[in-house]
Structures are given as structure tokens and as C-alpha cells.
């Protein structure tokens, strides 16, 4: 697979592929954490009189895919030179 050793913008195609896969995995992981943690935190927040945990549940539930994509791209880009 010699084509993976070709350089684009100072990085091999192998590095670009690895960065892209890493970014995709980060987005998937963050989305799963959002779903699982959001549900558990919502259950816990329903039983407390304080408002800060309710606000945290709202913030987590309103976080959308573009935010996770930006974070994933940031983490993936750290793998490039």
C-alpha cells in the first residue's frame, strides 16, 4: 500500500486516515456518553431540590452534533503535524 505513504500537506495519507478515524471514534464515543450520562443524570437530578443539576441536564441534552464534530476534528488534528 504505497499510496498511504504519499505526503499531503506535510502528513502521509496514513496519518490523515488515522486522524479521520480517530475523529470519528471520538464523535461516536462523545455521543454515547451524552446519551448514557444524560439519562442517568436526569434521573438523579429529578430527586434533588437544587437547580444546578437540572441546568447541567439541559445543557447536556441541548448539545448537538456540530459541537461533537468540532471536538472530534480537534482531537484528530492533534495527530497531524
N, C-alpha and C. Protein backbone atom coordinates (compact mmCIF):
# COMPACT_ATOMS: atom_id res chain seq x y z
N UNK A 1 0.83 -1.18 0.00
CA UNK A 1 0.00 0.00 0.00
C UNK A 1 0.88 1.25 0.00
N UNK A 2 1.50 1.44 -1.10
CA UNK A 2 2.41 2.58 -1.22
C UNK A 2 1.67 3.91 -1.24
N UNK A 3 0.44 3.91 -1.68
CA UNK A 3 -0.28 5.18 -1.76
C UNK A 3 -0.50 5.79 -0.38
N UNK A 4 -0.49 4.99 0.67
CA UNK A 4 -0.65 5.53 2.03
C UNK A 4 0.59 6.28 2.50
N UNK A 5 1.71 6.07 1.81
CA UNK A 5 2.94 6.74 2.18
C UNK A 5 3.14 8.06 1.45
N UNK A 6 2.23 8.42 0.56
CA UNK A 6 2.32 9.70 -0.13
C UNK A 6 2.02 10.82 0.85
N UNK A 7 2.69 11.95 0.67
CA UNK A 7 2.57 13.06 1.61
C UNK A 7 1.62 14.12 1.06
N UNK A 8 0.73 14.56 1.92
CA UNK A 8 -0.19 15.66 1.60
C UNK A 8 -0.12 16.66 2.74
N UNK A 9 0.25 17.89 2.44
CA UNK A 9 0.37 18.96 3.43
C UNK A 9 1.25 18.56 4.62
N UNK A 10 2.34 17.86 4.34
CA UNK A 10 3.30 17.52 5.37
C UNK A 10 2.96 16.27 6.18
N UNK A 11 1.89 15.58 5.83
CA UNK A 11 1.50 14.35 6.52
C UNK A 11 1.24 13.27 5.49
N UNK A 12 1.54 12.04 5.87
CA UNK A 12 1.25 10.93 4.96
C UNK A 12 -0.25 10.68 4.93
N UNK A 13 -0.67 10.01 3.86
CA UNK A 13 -2.09 9.67 3.79
C UNK A 13 -2.49 8.73 4.92
N UNK A 14 -1.53 7.93 5.37
CA UNK A 14 -1.78 7.05 6.51
C UNK A 14 -2.11 7.88 7.77
N UNK A 15 -1.37 8.96 7.98
CA UNK A 15 -1.62 9.84 9.13
C UNK A 15 -2.98 10.52 9.00
N UNK A 16 -3.32 10.95 7.78
CA UNK A 16 -4.63 11.57 7.57
C UNK A 16 -5.76 10.59 7.86
N UNK A 17 -5.58 9.35 7.39
CA UNK A 17 -6.59 8.32 7.62
C UNK A 17 -6.74 8.03 9.11
N UNK A 18 -5.62 7.91 9.80
CA UNK A 18 -5.64 7.67 11.24
C UNK A 18 -6.31 8.83 11.99
N UNK A 19 -6.02 10.06 11.57
CA UNK A 19 -6.64 11.23 12.20
C UNK A 19 -8.15 11.24 11.96
N UNK A 20 -8.57 10.88 10.76
CA UNK A 20 -10.00 10.85 10.45
C UNK A 20 -10.72 9.78 11.26
N UNK A 21 -10.13 8.59 11.34
CA UNK A 21 -10.74 7.50 12.11
C UNK A 21 -10.81 7.88 13.59
N UNK A 22 -9.75 8.50 14.09
CA UNK A 22 -9.75 8.94 15.48
C UNK A 22 -10.85 9.96 15.73
N UNK A 23 -10.99 10.91 14.82
CA UNK A 23 -12.04 11.93 14.96
C UNK A 23 -13.42 11.28 14.97
N UNK A 24 -13.64 10.33 14.08
CA UNK A 24 -14.94 9.65 14.02
C UNK A 24 -15.21 8.87 15.30
N UNK A 25 -14.21 8.19 15.82
CA UNK A 25 -14.39 7.43 17.06
C UNK A 25 -14.65 8.35 18.24
N UNK A 26 -14.00 9.49 18.27
CA UNK A 26 -14.23 10.45 19.35
C UNK A 26 -15.66 10.96 19.30
N UNK A 27 -16.16 11.28 18.11
CA UNK A 27 -17.53 11.77 17.97
C UNK A 27 -18.52 10.70 18.44
N UNK A 28 -18.30 9.47 18.02
CA UNK A 28 -19.20 8.38 18.43
C UNK A 28 -19.16 8.19 19.94
N UNK A 29 -17.97 8.19 20.52
CA UNK A 29 -17.84 8.00 21.96
C UNK A 29 -18.50 9.13 22.74
N UNK A 30 -18.29 10.36 22.30
CA UNK A 30 -18.90 11.50 23.00
C UNK A 30 -20.42 11.46 22.91
N UNK A 31 -20.92 11.07 21.77
CA UNK A 31 -22.39 10.98 21.61
C UNK A 31 -22.96 9.89 22.52
N UNK A 32 -22.27 8.76 22.61
CA UNK A 32 -22.74 7.70 23.50
C UNK A 32 -22.69 8.14 24.96
N UNK A 33 -21.63 8.82 25.33
CA UNK A 33 -21.53 9.34 26.70
C UNK A 33 -22.66 10.34 26.96
N UNK A 34 -22.95 11.16 25.98
CA UNK A 34 -24.03 12.13 26.13
C UNK A 34 -25.36 11.43 26.38
N UNK A 35 -25.63 10.40 25.64
CA UNK A 35 -26.91 9.69 25.79
C UNK A 35 -27.00 8.97 27.13
N UNK A 36 -25.96 8.23 27.48
CA UNK A 36 -25.99 7.44 28.72
C UNK A 36 -25.93 8.35 29.94
N UNK A 37 -24.97 9.26 29.96
CA UNK A 37 -24.82 10.15 31.12
C UNK A 37 -26.02 11.08 31.25
N UNK A 38 -26.58 11.50 30.13
CA UNK A 38 -27.74 12.38 30.18
C UNK A 38 -28.94 11.72 30.84
N UNK A 39 -29.18 10.48 30.50
CA UNK A 39 -30.31 9.77 31.09
C UNK A 39 -30.09 9.53 32.59
N UNK A 40 -28.89 9.12 32.95
CA UNK A 40 -28.61 8.86 34.36
C UNK A 40 -28.64 10.14 35.18
N UNK A 41 -28.07 11.19 34.64
CA UNK A 41 -28.06 12.47 35.35
C UNK A 41 -29.47 13.03 35.48
N UNK A 42 -30.29 12.83 34.48
CA UNK A 42 -31.68 13.30 34.55
C UNK A 42 -32.44 12.59 35.65
N UNK A 43 -32.20 11.29 35.80
CA UNK A 43 -32.86 10.54 36.88
C UNK A 43 -32.40 11.05 38.24
N UNK A 44 -31.11 11.28 38.38
CA UNK A 44 -30.59 11.78 39.65
C UNK A 44 -31.07 13.20 39.94
N UNK A 45 -31.11 14.03 38.93
CA UNK A 45 -31.50 15.43 39.10
C UNK A 45 -32.96 15.56 39.50
N UNK A 46 -33.77 14.61 39.11
CA UNK A 46 -35.19 14.67 39.44
C UNK A 46 -35.43 14.51 40.94
N UNK A 47 -34.47 13.95 41.64
CA UNK A 47 -34.64 13.70 43.07
C UNK A 47 -33.94 14.71 43.96
N UNK A 48 -33.38 15.75 43.38
CA UNK A 48 -32.68 16.76 44.19
C UNK A 48 -33.41 18.09 44.12
N UNK A 49 -33.34 18.87 45.19
CA UNK A 49 -34.03 20.16 45.18
C UNK A 49 -33.22 21.27 44.50
N UNK A 50 -31.94 21.02 44.21
CA UNK A 50 -31.11 22.08 43.64
C UNK A 50 -31.38 22.25 42.14
N UNK A 51 -31.01 23.40 41.63
CA UNK A 51 -31.27 23.74 40.24
C UNK A 51 -30.05 23.49 39.34
N UNK A 52 -28.85 23.47 39.93
CA UNK A 52 -27.65 23.36 39.10
C UNK A 52 -27.59 22.05 38.33
N UNK A 53 -28.05 20.96 38.93
CA UNK A 53 -28.02 19.69 38.21
C UNK A 53 -29.07 19.65 37.10
N UNK A 54 -30.19 20.32 37.32
CA UNK A 54 -31.19 20.42 36.25
C UNK A 54 -30.64 21.21 35.07
N UNK A 55 -29.90 22.26 35.37
CA UNK A 55 -29.28 23.06 34.30
C UNK A 55 -28.22 22.25 33.55
N UNK A 56 -27.50 21.42 34.26
CA UNK A 56 -26.50 20.57 33.62
C UNK A 56 -27.17 19.56 32.68
N UNK A 57 -28.30 19.01 33.09
CA UNK A 57 -29.05 18.08 32.24
C UNK A 57 -29.53 18.81 30.99
N UNK A 58 -30.03 20.03 31.13
CA UNK A 58 -30.47 20.80 29.97
C UNK A 58 -29.32 21.08 29.02
N UNK A 59 -28.17 21.48 29.59
CA UNK A 59 -27.00 21.77 28.76
C UNK A 59 -26.56 20.53 27.99
N UNK A 60 -26.51 19.41 28.66
CA UNK A 60 -26.08 18.18 28.01
C UNK A 60 -27.07 17.74 26.94
N UNK A 61 -28.35 17.91 27.20
CA UNK A 61 -29.35 17.47 26.22
C UNK A 61 -29.42 18.40 25.01
N UNK A 62 -29.02 19.65 25.17
CA UNK A 62 -29.09 20.60 24.06
C UNK A 62 -27.80 20.64 23.23
N UNK A 63 -26.78 19.91 23.67
CA UNK A 63 -25.54 19.86 22.91
C UNK A 63 -25.78 19.04 21.65
N UNK A 64 -25.46 19.61 20.50
CA UNK A 64 -25.78 18.98 19.23
C UNK A 64 -24.54 18.42 18.53
N UNK A 65 -24.80 17.71 17.45
CA UNK A 65 -23.76 17.03 16.70
C UNK A 65 -22.64 17.96 16.20
N UNK A 66 -22.93 19.16 15.72
CA UNK A 66 -21.82 20.01 15.26
C UNK A 66 -20.77 20.27 16.34
N UNK A 67 -21.17 20.40 17.58
CA UNK A 67 -20.21 20.59 18.67
C UNK A 67 -19.33 19.36 18.83
N UNK A 68 -19.94 18.17 18.79
CA UNK A 68 -19.17 16.94 18.91
C UNK A 68 -18.23 16.77 17.71
N UNK A 69 -18.69 17.18 16.51
CA UNK A 69 -17.83 17.10 15.33
C UNK A 69 -16.61 17.99 15.46
N UNK A 70 -16.80 19.20 15.97
CA UNK A 70 -15.67 20.10 16.17
C UNK A 70 -14.68 19.52 17.16
N UNK A 71 -15.18 18.96 18.26
CA UNK A 71 -14.29 18.32 19.23
C UNK A 71 -13.56 17.13 18.62
N UNK A 72 -14.27 16.33 17.83
CA UNK A 72 -13.63 15.18 17.18
C UNK A 72 -12.56 15.62 16.21
N UNK A 73 -12.83 16.65 15.43
CA UNK A 73 -11.83 17.16 14.50
C UNK A 73 -10.63 17.75 15.23
N UNK A 74 -10.87 18.39 16.34
CA UNK A 74 -9.77 18.93 17.14
C UNK A 74 -8.86 17.79 17.62
N UNK A 75 -9.45 16.74 18.17
CA UNK A 75 -8.65 15.61 18.65
C UNK A 75 -7.93 14.93 17.48
N UNK A 76 -8.62 14.74 16.36
CA UNK A 76 -7.99 14.13 15.20
C UNK A 76 -6.85 14.98 14.65
N UNK A 77 -7.02 16.28 14.67
CA UNK A 77 -5.99 17.16 14.12
C UNK A 77 -4.73 17.17 14.99
N UNK A 78 -4.86 16.81 16.25
CA UNK A 78 -3.68 16.73 17.12
C UNK A 78 -2.73 15.61 16.70
N UNK A 79 -3.22 14.71 15.88
CA UNK A 79 -2.39 13.60 15.40
C UNK A 79 -1.57 13.98 14.16
N UNK A 80 -1.86 15.15 13.61
CA UNK A 80 -1.16 15.60 12.40
C UNK A 80 -0.09 16.61 12.75
N UNK A 81 0.89 16.72 11.86
CA UNK A 81 1.96 17.69 12.08
C UNK A 81 1.60 19.01 11.44
